[in-house]
Protein backbone atom coordinates (compact mmCIF):
# COMPACT_ATOMS: atom_id res chain seq x y z
CA MET A 1 47.01 120.20 135.29
CA ASP A 2 45.97 123.39 133.73
CA LEU A 3 47.69 125.08 131.11
CA PHE A 4 47.87 129.18 130.93
CA ILE A 5 48.73 131.47 128.20
CA ARG A 6 49.71 134.71 130.00
CA ASN A 7 49.57 138.30 128.94
CA ALA A 8 48.90 138.21 125.22
CA ASP A 9 49.41 141.48 123.42
CA VAL A 10 46.35 140.71 121.53
CA VAL A 11 44.25 137.72 121.14
CA LEU A 12 42.07 137.40 117.88
CA THR A 13 39.48 134.86 119.01
CA MET A 14 37.47 134.47 115.67
CA ASP A 15 34.30 133.85 118.08
CA ASP A 16 30.78 134.95 116.70
CA THR A 17 31.59 138.44 117.70
CA ARG A 18 35.17 138.51 116.49
CA ARG A 19 36.44 139.81 119.31
CA GLU A 20 40.05 141.27 119.93
CA LEU A 21 41.34 140.85 123.44
CA ARG A 22 44.39 142.77 124.74
CA GLY A 23 46.50 141.79 127.69
CA ALA A 24 44.45 138.47 127.87
CA ASP A 25 45.06 135.21 129.54
CA ILE A 26 43.80 131.88 128.37
CA ARG A 27 43.10 128.76 130.82
CA VAL A 28 43.34 125.17 128.99
CA ARG A 29 42.15 122.12 130.77
CA ASP A 30 41.72 118.61 129.40
CA GLY A 31 42.18 119.82 125.62
CA GLN A 32 39.80 122.51 126.25
CA ILE A 33 39.56 126.33 126.75
CA ILE A 34 37.58 126.86 129.93
CA GLU A 35 38.24 130.53 130.59
CA ILE A 36 39.48 133.66 129.01
CA GLY A 37 40.07 136.95 130.79
CA ARG A 38 42.76 139.23 132.38
CA PHE A 39 44.97 138.19 135.41
CA LEU A 40 43.20 134.63 135.84
CA ASP A 41 44.11 132.83 139.22
CA GLY A 42 45.36 129.21 139.23
CA ASP A 43 48.38 127.22 139.18
CA GLY A 44 49.62 125.18 136.19
CA ASP A 45 51.99 125.18 133.15
CA GLN A 46 52.77 128.53 131.97
CA ILE A 47 53.23 130.07 128.23
CA ASP A 48 54.32 133.73 128.30
CA ALA A 49 52.61 135.58 125.67
CA ARG A 50 53.92 138.98 126.28
CA GLY A 51 55.04 140.54 122.86
CA CYS A 52 52.85 138.02 121.03
CA VAL A 53 49.65 137.67 119.08
CA VAL A 54 47.49 134.75 119.66
CA THR A 55 45.10 133.17 116.97
CA PRO A 56 43.27 129.89 116.81
CA GLY A 57 45.66 127.42 115.38
CA LEU A 58 45.45 127.44 111.53
CA VAL A 59 43.66 124.90 109.39
CA ASN A 60 44.64 123.56 106.10
CA THR A 61 41.85 122.09 104.08
CA HIS A 62 43.46 120.54 101.28
CA HIS A 63 46.79 119.01 100.95
CA HIS A 64 48.99 115.99 99.40
CA LEU A 65 51.66 115.25 101.69
CA PHE A 66 53.22 112.47 99.62
CA GLN A 67 54.32 115.33 97.30
CA THR A 68 56.78 116.69 99.85
CA LEU A 69 59.32 114.42 98.36
CA THR A 70 58.91 116.06 94.65
CA ARG A 71 58.99 119.57 95.14
CA ALA A 72 60.39 121.72 92.21
CA VAL A 73 60.74 118.74 89.86
CA PRO A 74 62.45 120.20 86.76
CA GLY A 75 60.06 118.94 84.20
CA ALA A 76 56.91 120.06 86.38
CA GLN A 77 58.15 123.35 87.05
CA ASP A 78 56.76 125.30 84.16
CA ALA A 79 53.60 122.96 83.34
CA ALA A 80 49.92 123.31 83.69
CA LEU A 81 47.90 120.85 85.58
CA PHE A 82 47.55 117.91 83.37
CA ASP A 83 51.09 118.13 81.91
CA TRP A 84 52.33 118.42 85.64
CA LEU A 85 50.64 115.26 86.61
CA LYS A 86 51.95 113.51 83.71
CA CYS A 87 55.34 114.40 84.66
CA LEU A 88 55.16 113.13 88.25
CA TYR A 89 53.07 110.13 87.97
CA PRO A 90 56.05 107.96 87.12
CA ILE A 91 57.87 109.09 90.05
CA TRP A 92 55.04 108.64 92.35
CA ALA A 93 54.63 105.23 90.99
CA ARG A 94 58.05 104.51 92.82
CA PHE A 95 56.87 105.36 96.14
CA GLY A 96 56.07 102.95 99.14
CA PRO A 97 55.07 102.99 102.69
CA GLU A 98 58.40 104.53 103.93
CA GLU A 99 58.02 107.37 101.25
CA MET A 100 54.50 107.97 102.32
CA HIS A 101 55.42 108.29 105.87
CA VAL A 102 58.51 110.25 105.83
CA SER A 103 56.89 112.75 103.41
CA ALA A 104 53.92 113.34 105.64
CA LEU A 105 56.15 113.76 108.77
CA THR A 106 58.23 116.49 107.04
CA GLY A 107 55.08 118.07 105.44
CA LEU A 108 53.26 117.93 108.56
CA ALA A 109 56.59 119.27 110.53
CA GLU A 110 56.41 122.47 108.14
CA LEU A 111 52.77 122.98 108.54
CA ALA A 112 53.29 122.90 112.54
CA LEU A 113 56.02 125.23 112.66
CA SER A 114 53.86 127.80 110.60
CA GLY A 115 51.24 127.70 113.04
CA CYS A 116 48.72 124.97 111.50
CA SER A 117 46.92 122.68 114.15
CA LEU A 118 44.61 120.79 111.77
CA SER A 119 45.21 119.57 108.36
CA SER A 120 43.23 117.57 105.80
CA ASP A 121 45.14 115.41 103.64
CA HIS A 122 44.33 113.91 100.19
CA LEU A 123 46.11 110.60 99.50
CA TYR A 124 45.00 109.07 96.25
CA LEU A 125 47.31 106.61 95.09
CA TYR A 126 49.02 103.47 97.10
CA PRO A 127 51.91 102.20 95.03
CA ASN A 128 53.94 99.19 96.47
CA GLY A 129 52.10 98.42 99.75
CA ALA A 130 51.46 102.12 100.75
CA ARG A 131 48.45 102.73 103.06
CA LEU A 132 46.43 105.42 104.46
CA GLU A 133 47.73 104.90 108.07
CA ASP A 134 51.31 105.67 106.75
CA THR A 135 50.23 109.44 107.25
CA ILE A 136 48.08 108.76 110.25
CA GLU A 137 51.00 107.63 112.08
CA ALA A 138 52.99 110.74 110.91
CA ALA A 139 50.31 113.08 112.32
CA SER A 140 50.06 111.35 115.62
CA GLU A 141 54.02 111.41 116.08
CA ILE A 142 53.74 115.06 115.30
CA GLY A 143 50.94 115.79 117.35
CA LEU A 144 48.60 117.53 114.76
CA ARG A 145 44.87 117.06 114.44
CA PHE A 146 44.22 115.23 111.26
CA HIS A 147 41.68 114.47 108.68
CA PRO A 148 43.28 112.18 106.32
CA THR A 149 41.04 110.96 103.36
CA ARG A 150 41.20 107.67 101.67
CA GLY A 151 41.65 108.70 97.73
CA ALA A 152 41.74 106.76 94.58
CA MET A 153 42.00 106.65 90.87
CA SER A 154 40.44 103.88 89.07
CA ILE A 155 40.45 104.96 85.21
CA GLY A 156 43.89 104.72 83.85
CA GLU A 157 45.38 105.61 80.25
CA SER A 158 44.23 102.61 78.65
CA LYS A 159 40.51 103.40 79.47
CA GLY A 160 40.89 107.07 78.65
CA GLY A 161 42.10 108.38 81.95
CA LEU A 162 45.03 110.65 82.82
CA PRO A 163 47.10 108.39 85.38
CA PRO A 164 49.08 105.60 84.12
CA ASP A 165 47.62 102.14 84.63
CA ILE A 166 50.09 101.10 87.39
CA LEU A 167 48.66 103.61 89.85
CA VAL A 168 45.10 102.85 89.42
CA GLU A 169 43.02 100.17 91.62
CA ARG A 170 40.03 98.04 91.04
CA GLU A 171 36.96 100.06 92.23
CA ALA A 172 35.85 96.97 94.22
CA ASP A 173 39.29 96.92 96.23
CA VAL A 174 38.76 100.83 96.96
CA LEU A 175 35.58 100.46 98.43
CA GLU A 176 36.79 97.56 100.73
CA ASP A 177 39.82 99.50 101.63
CA MET A 178 37.59 102.58 102.32
CA ILE A 179 35.43 100.51 104.67
CA ARG A 180 38.78 99.43 106.77
CA VAL A 181 40.33 102.91 107.21
CA VAL A 182 36.98 104.35 108.29
CA ASP A 183 36.25 101.56 110.61
CA GLY A 184 39.85 101.25 112.06
CA PHE A 185 40.69 104.93 112.23
CA HIS A 186 37.72 107.33 112.11
CA ASP A 187 36.90 109.16 115.47
CA PRO A 188 33.56 111.14 115.14
CA GLU A 189 33.94 112.51 118.72
CA ILE A 190 34.18 116.29 119.99
CA GLY A 191 37.92 116.70 120.03
CA SER A 192 38.71 113.99 117.95
CA MET A 193 42.42 114.01 116.78
CA CYS A 194 41.46 111.63 113.48
CA ARG A 195 38.40 112.01 111.28
CA VAL A 196 38.75 109.96 107.93
CA GLY A 197 37.02 111.24 104.81
CA LEU A 198 36.54 109.52 101.59
CA ALA A 199 37.87 110.96 98.33
CA PRO A 200 38.17 109.79 94.81
CA CYS A 201 40.62 111.87 93.26
CA SER A 202 39.04 113.70 90.54
CA PRO A 203 36.30 113.26 87.81
CA PHE A 204 39.02 112.54 85.43
CA SER A 205 40.62 109.69 86.92
CA VAL A 206 37.59 107.55 88.37
CA SER A 207 34.26 106.41 87.24
CA ARG A 208 30.68 107.76 87.52
CA GLU A 209 30.03 104.34 89.70
CA LEU A 210 32.95 105.04 92.03
CA MET A 211 31.79 108.60 92.77
CA ARG A 212 28.32 107.49 93.43
CA ASP A 213 29.22 104.58 95.38
CA THR A 214 31.52 106.29 97.57
CA ALA A 215 29.05 108.98 98.24
CA LEU A 216 26.61 106.40 99.20
CA LEU A 217 29.08 104.79 101.63
CA ALA A 218 30.28 107.97 103.28
CA ARG A 219 26.66 108.64 103.92
CA ASP A 220 26.42 105.36 105.65
CA LYS A 221 29.45 105.60 107.65
CA GLY A 222 28.83 109.44 108.81
CA VAL A 223 32.06 110.48 107.27
CA ALA A 224 32.70 113.50 104.75
CA LEU A 225 33.42 113.62 101.17
CA HIS A 226 36.29 115.40 99.24
CA THR A 227 37.71 115.64 95.80
CA HIS A 228 39.07 118.06 92.99
CA LEU A 229 36.40 120.03 91.18
CA ALA A 230 36.65 122.83 88.35
CA GLU A 231 40.18 123.31 88.80
CA ASN A 232 41.13 124.93 85.51
CA ASP A 233 39.70 125.28 81.64
CA GLU A 234 41.03 121.82 81.06
CA ASP A 235 38.86 120.40 83.85
CA ILE A 236 35.87 122.13 82.63
CA ALA A 237 36.25 120.94 79.07
CA TYR A 238 36.86 117.49 80.27
CA SER A 239 33.66 117.50 82.19
CA GLU A 240 31.55 118.67 79.19
CA ALA A 241 32.89 116.43 76.83
CA ARG A 242 32.94 113.32 78.95
CA PHE A 243 29.93 114.14 81.17
CA GLY A 244 27.93 116.50 78.99
CA CYS A 245 27.63 118.85 81.49
CA ARG A 246 29.90 121.28 84.01
CA PRO A 247 31.33 119.93 87.06
CA GLY A 248 29.02 121.47 89.66
CA GLN A 249 26.04 119.69 87.66
CA TYR A 250 28.02 116.33 87.86
CA ALA A 251 28.66 116.72 91.42
CA GLU A 252 25.11 117.21 92.18
CA GLU A 253 23.77 114.46 90.12
CA LEU A 254 26.07 112.00 91.92
CA GLY A 255 25.29 113.09 95.70
CA TRP A 256 28.49 115.35 95.89
CA THR A 257 26.96 118.17 97.31
CA GLY A 258 25.88 119.16 100.85
CA PRO A 259 27.52 119.96 104.26
CA ASP A 260 29.57 116.81 104.59
CA VAL A 261 31.40 117.50 101.14
CA TRP A 262 34.10 119.98 100.37
CA HIS A 263 35.76 120.31 97.07
CA ALA A 264 39.50 121.74 96.20
CA HIS A 265 39.77 124.51 94.03
CA CYS A 266 36.55 125.67 92.54
CA VAL A 267 38.58 127.81 90.42
CA LYS A 268 36.17 127.94 87.41
CA LEU A 269 32.80 127.82 89.23
CA ASP A 270 30.13 129.82 87.43
CA PRO A 271 27.28 131.79 89.02
CA GLN A 272 24.96 128.71 88.97
CA GLU A 273 27.35 126.58 90.86
CA ILE A 274 28.27 129.02 93.26
CA ARG A 275 24.40 129.11 94.18
CA LEU A 276 24.24 125.57 94.17
CA PHE A 277 27.03 125.07 96.76
CA ALA A 278 25.75 127.94 98.94
CA GLU A 279 22.26 126.34 99.02
CA SER A 280 23.60 123.02 99.72
CA ALA A 281 26.16 124.11 102.26
CA THR A 282 28.86 122.42 100.10
CA GLY A 283 32.44 123.67 101.21
CA VAL A 284 35.39 124.89 99.45
CA ALA A 285 39.18 124.62 99.72
CA HIS A 286 40.62 127.55 98.21
CA CYS A 287 44.19 126.95 97.13
CA PRO A 288 45.62 130.26 95.79
CA CYS A 289 49.31 129.62 95.63
CA SER A 290 48.80 126.29 93.70
CA ASN A 291 46.32 127.92 91.60
CA CYS A 292 48.96 130.61 90.74
CA ARG A 293 51.87 128.09 90.33
CA LEU A 294 49.84 125.88 87.66
CA GLY A 295 48.52 129.09 86.01
CA SER A 296 44.89 127.77 86.87
CA GLY A 297 43.15 131.12 87.57
CA VAL A 298 41.63 133.15 90.25
CA ALA A 299 38.94 131.41 92.28
CA PRO A 300 35.82 133.55 92.76
CA VAL A 301 36.23 133.89 96.70
CA ASN A 302 34.37 137.03 96.99
CA ALA A 303 31.44 135.78 95.15
CA MET A 304 31.39 132.39 97.03
CA ARG A 305 31.51 134.30 100.25
CA GLU A 306 29.00 136.53 99.45
CA ALA A 307 26.89 133.93 98.35
CA GLY A 308 27.37 132.19 101.68
CA VAL A 309 29.52 129.38 100.75
CA ASN A 310 31.70 128.04 103.33
CA VAL A 311 35.28 128.65 102.30
CA GLY A 312 38.63 127.70 103.74
CA LEU A 313 42.27 127.73 102.81
CA GLY A 314 44.32 124.68 101.37
CA VAL A 315 48.24 124.67 100.94
CA ASP A 316 47.77 121.76 97.95
CA GLY A 317 50.56 119.52 97.44
CA SER A 318 54.19 120.25 97.93
CA ALA A 319 54.58 119.53 94.38
CA SER A 320 52.26 122.15 93.22
CA ASN A 321 52.92 124.78 95.69
CA ASP A 322 56.38 123.79 96.76
CA SER A 323 55.68 125.10 100.36
CA ALA A 324 53.31 124.60 103.00
CA ASN A 325 52.28 127.78 104.83
CA VAL A 326 48.58 128.42 105.65
CA LEU A 327 49.46 132.15 106.59
CA GLU A 328 51.03 132.69 103.35
CA GLU A 329 48.01 131.09 101.68
CA ALA A 330 45.76 133.76 103.53
CA ARG A 331 47.97 136.65 102.03
CA GLN A 332 47.76 135.35 98.72
CA ALA A 333 44.16 134.79 98.96
CA MET A 334 43.75 138.29 99.90
CA PHE A 335 45.95 139.72 97.17
CA LEU A 336 44.50 137.82 94.49
CA GLN A 337 40.89 139.05 95.42
CA ARG A 338 42.34 142.58 95.22
CA VAL A 339 43.92 142.17 92.13
CA VAL A 340 40.59 141.05 90.51
CA HIS A 341 38.10 143.54 92.50
CA GLY A 342 40.12 146.41 93.70
CA GLY A 343 42.15 147.26 97.04
CA GLU A 344 39.26 147.26 99.41
CA ALA A 345 37.75 143.76 98.44
CA PHE A 346 39.20 141.67 100.92
CA LYS A 347 40.54 142.67 104.44
CA ALA A 348 43.38 141.26 106.30
CA ARG A 349 40.94 140.02 109.13
CA ALA A 350 38.90 138.22 106.70
CA ALA A 351 41.85 136.51 105.14
CA LEU A 352 42.91 135.48 108.45
CA GLU A 353 39.28 134.13 109.17
CA LEU A 354 39.69 131.94 106.15
CA ALA A 355 42.85 130.18 107.76
CA THR A 356 41.27 129.67 110.89
CA ARG A 357 37.39 129.55 111.39
CA GLY A 358 36.68 129.26 107.86
CA GLY A 359 38.59 126.05 107.46
CA ALA A 360 37.29 124.57 110.62
CA GLU A 361 33.54 125.13 109.28
CA VAL A 362 34.55 123.45 105.92
CA LEU A 363 36.17 120.33 107.73
CA GLY A 364 32.78 120.30 109.88
CA ARG A 365 35.00 121.14 113.18
CA ASP A 366 32.71 123.61 114.96
CA ASP A 367 34.75 122.58 118.04
CA CYS A 368 38.04 124.15 116.33
CA GLY A 369 38.91 127.43 114.38
CA ARG A 370 38.14 130.05 117.40
CA ILE A 371 39.23 130.96 121.02
CA GLU A 372 36.23 130.77 123.21
CA GLU A 373 35.47 128.96 126.16
CA GLY A 374 34.16 125.25 125.25
CA ALA A 375 36.31 125.33 122.10
CA ARG A 376 39.13 122.81 121.74
CA ALA A 377 42.47 124.39 122.56
CA ASP A 378 44.04 124.59 119.19
CA ILE A 379 46.24 127.88 119.81
CA ALA A 380 48.96 129.42 117.82
CA ILE A 381 51.26 132.39 119.31
CA TRP A 382 53.14 134.65 117.12
CA ASP A 383 56.21 136.50 118.22
CA VAL A 384 55.50 140.04 116.86
CA THR A 385 58.78 141.62 118.41
CA GLY A 386 60.99 140.49 115.51
CA VAL A 387 62.19 142.11 112.13
CA ALA A 388 59.19 140.95 110.22
CA SER A 389 56.65 143.07 112.31
CA ALA A 390 59.15 145.84 113.09
CA GLY A 391 57.29 149.28 111.97
CA SER A 392 53.68 147.44 111.92
CA TRP A 393 51.21 149.57 113.26
CA ASP A 394 48.85 146.70 113.52
CA PRO A 395 50.76 143.61 114.64
CA ALA A 396 47.49 141.47 114.57
CA ALA A 397 47.39 142.27 110.70
CA LEU A 398 49.61 139.25 110.52
CA VAL A 399 48.76 138.53 106.79
CA LEU A 400 50.44 141.91 105.89
CA ALA A 401 53.53 142.21 108.32
CA GLY A 402 54.44 139.49 110.94
CA PRO A 403 56.20 136.29 111.40
CA ARG A 404 55.73 133.32 109.03
CA GLN A 405 56.46 130.70 112.07
CA VAL A 406 54.93 130.34 115.33
CA LYS A 407 56.90 130.83 118.77
CA HIS A 408 54.28 128.05 120.35
CA LEU A 409 51.69 125.84 119.16
CA VAL A 410 49.22 124.22 121.53
CA VAL A 411 47.10 121.53 120.03
CA GLU A 412 44.42 119.71 122.14
CA GLY A 413 45.86 121.48 124.95
CA GLN A 414 49.33 120.07 124.32
CA GLN A 415 52.53 122.05 123.41
CA ILE A 416 53.46 120.72 120.10
CA VAL A 417 55.66 123.83 119.13
CA SER A 418 57.91 125.54 121.79
CA GLU A 419 60.21 128.48 121.41
CA GLY A 420 60.06 127.60 117.42
CA ARG A 421 60.89 123.93 117.94
CA LEU A 422 59.10 120.74 117.57
CA THR A 423 58.29 118.97 120.87
CA ARG A 424 57.82 115.58 119.78
CA VAL A 425 59.97 114.64 116.83
CA ASP A 426 63.83 115.31 116.17
CA LEU A 427 63.34 117.44 113.14
CA PRO A 428 67.09 117.04 111.77
CA ARG A 429 66.38 113.39 111.99
CA VAL A 430 63.28 113.49 109.93
CA ILE A 431 64.95 115.68 107.30
CA GLU A 432 67.95 113.26 107.30
CA ARG A 433 65.30 110.38 106.43
CA HIS A 434 63.67 112.55 103.83
CA ASN A 435 66.82 113.60 101.92
CA ARG A 436 67.72 109.90 102.14
CA LEU A 437 64.67 108.76 100.05
CA LEU A 438 64.95 111.99 97.90
CA LYS A 439 68.51 110.68 96.98
CA ARG A 440 67.13 107.30 96.25
CA LEU A 441 64.39 108.81 93.76
CA LEU A 442 67.02 111.00 92.29
CA ASP A 443 69.42 108.03 91.47
CA GLY A 444 66.45 106.23 89.89
């Protein structure tokens, strides 16, 4: 049966011509948008979009869902990246499968309610029997399109790394499990609801050999690569001291550039590295709220985009952002570029593009991130009749004035949020489970 979205005030398509359609309908069939126009004929389920702005579902290109259980930890509230990590590692070492699953449920619920239809996740620690499928199962329960990545840390404190030895893994075991999760869960087809990537945590927590071997494995399996890169000044100093080069050069030497690679943060990329990323079609997950929270700096997003780098947005972990709202990331990204380059440097529509089409391109999803015939039916419907939009002369400028939660969210043609409520999970029950685990952590 078809699904119709009727009478939208404005549809921001994010298609190749960036059309904005007024009074439009959208027809969805079998997870795909098949028709857009006014007064479409046909029977099926109906969503009334009068008083609403309709956008593609938002795309989150970087997250650590497990961190949803460690928001606002006092010792980490005012720390820069490396000290922040050292504060939180001992807490994360106490996690297990239940903590991973429930924290992912909570984080993905937060994303869905704020209009996100496609999220990646970077899970780089596996204590006490935790596995990547703990998060994959959570995404299936919520109904979001999911790009989980099998991360890893292999260099502990005893070998000069940052994480405690209890959280690192043998590299042979890491590679073996990477093969297992790709073979077991990766779906490369158009419309896929789960694509697995490979993602050693960072150059300061894994060896050169694991970075290289992971790149070779990813190319053999046809999956994407992801890691943290050039996040702050400490990151640059570590790379220069340990590897004798900047992070971009290190990445290139080990096969970590190309259209199947996206790096998180990239706050400190220099002009040569930006040119390298543009020429190689390497993507960037820009995480402005986390970068502000940790004092990492302002990423050169304007320069990246002008050079032709694919840039999307990431909420980053809930312990370095303390919330997960892609629209807020778009707003923050716009403001930071204006602080550096002036009030005309970054427009509201451009910020929303990062949150939709831009993120989909970074994740290699040309079937998502836009509203056009043939695209997957990932659609966010925003009620602009409320107080957040009152007085707005341009309700479609959502990053400036408008709601921060969706009225309806459709993913692969299925209604995941209806009238502001999740349709597939009992959210109070999820929060109850989450708070029980939090109490266990607080009680030690």
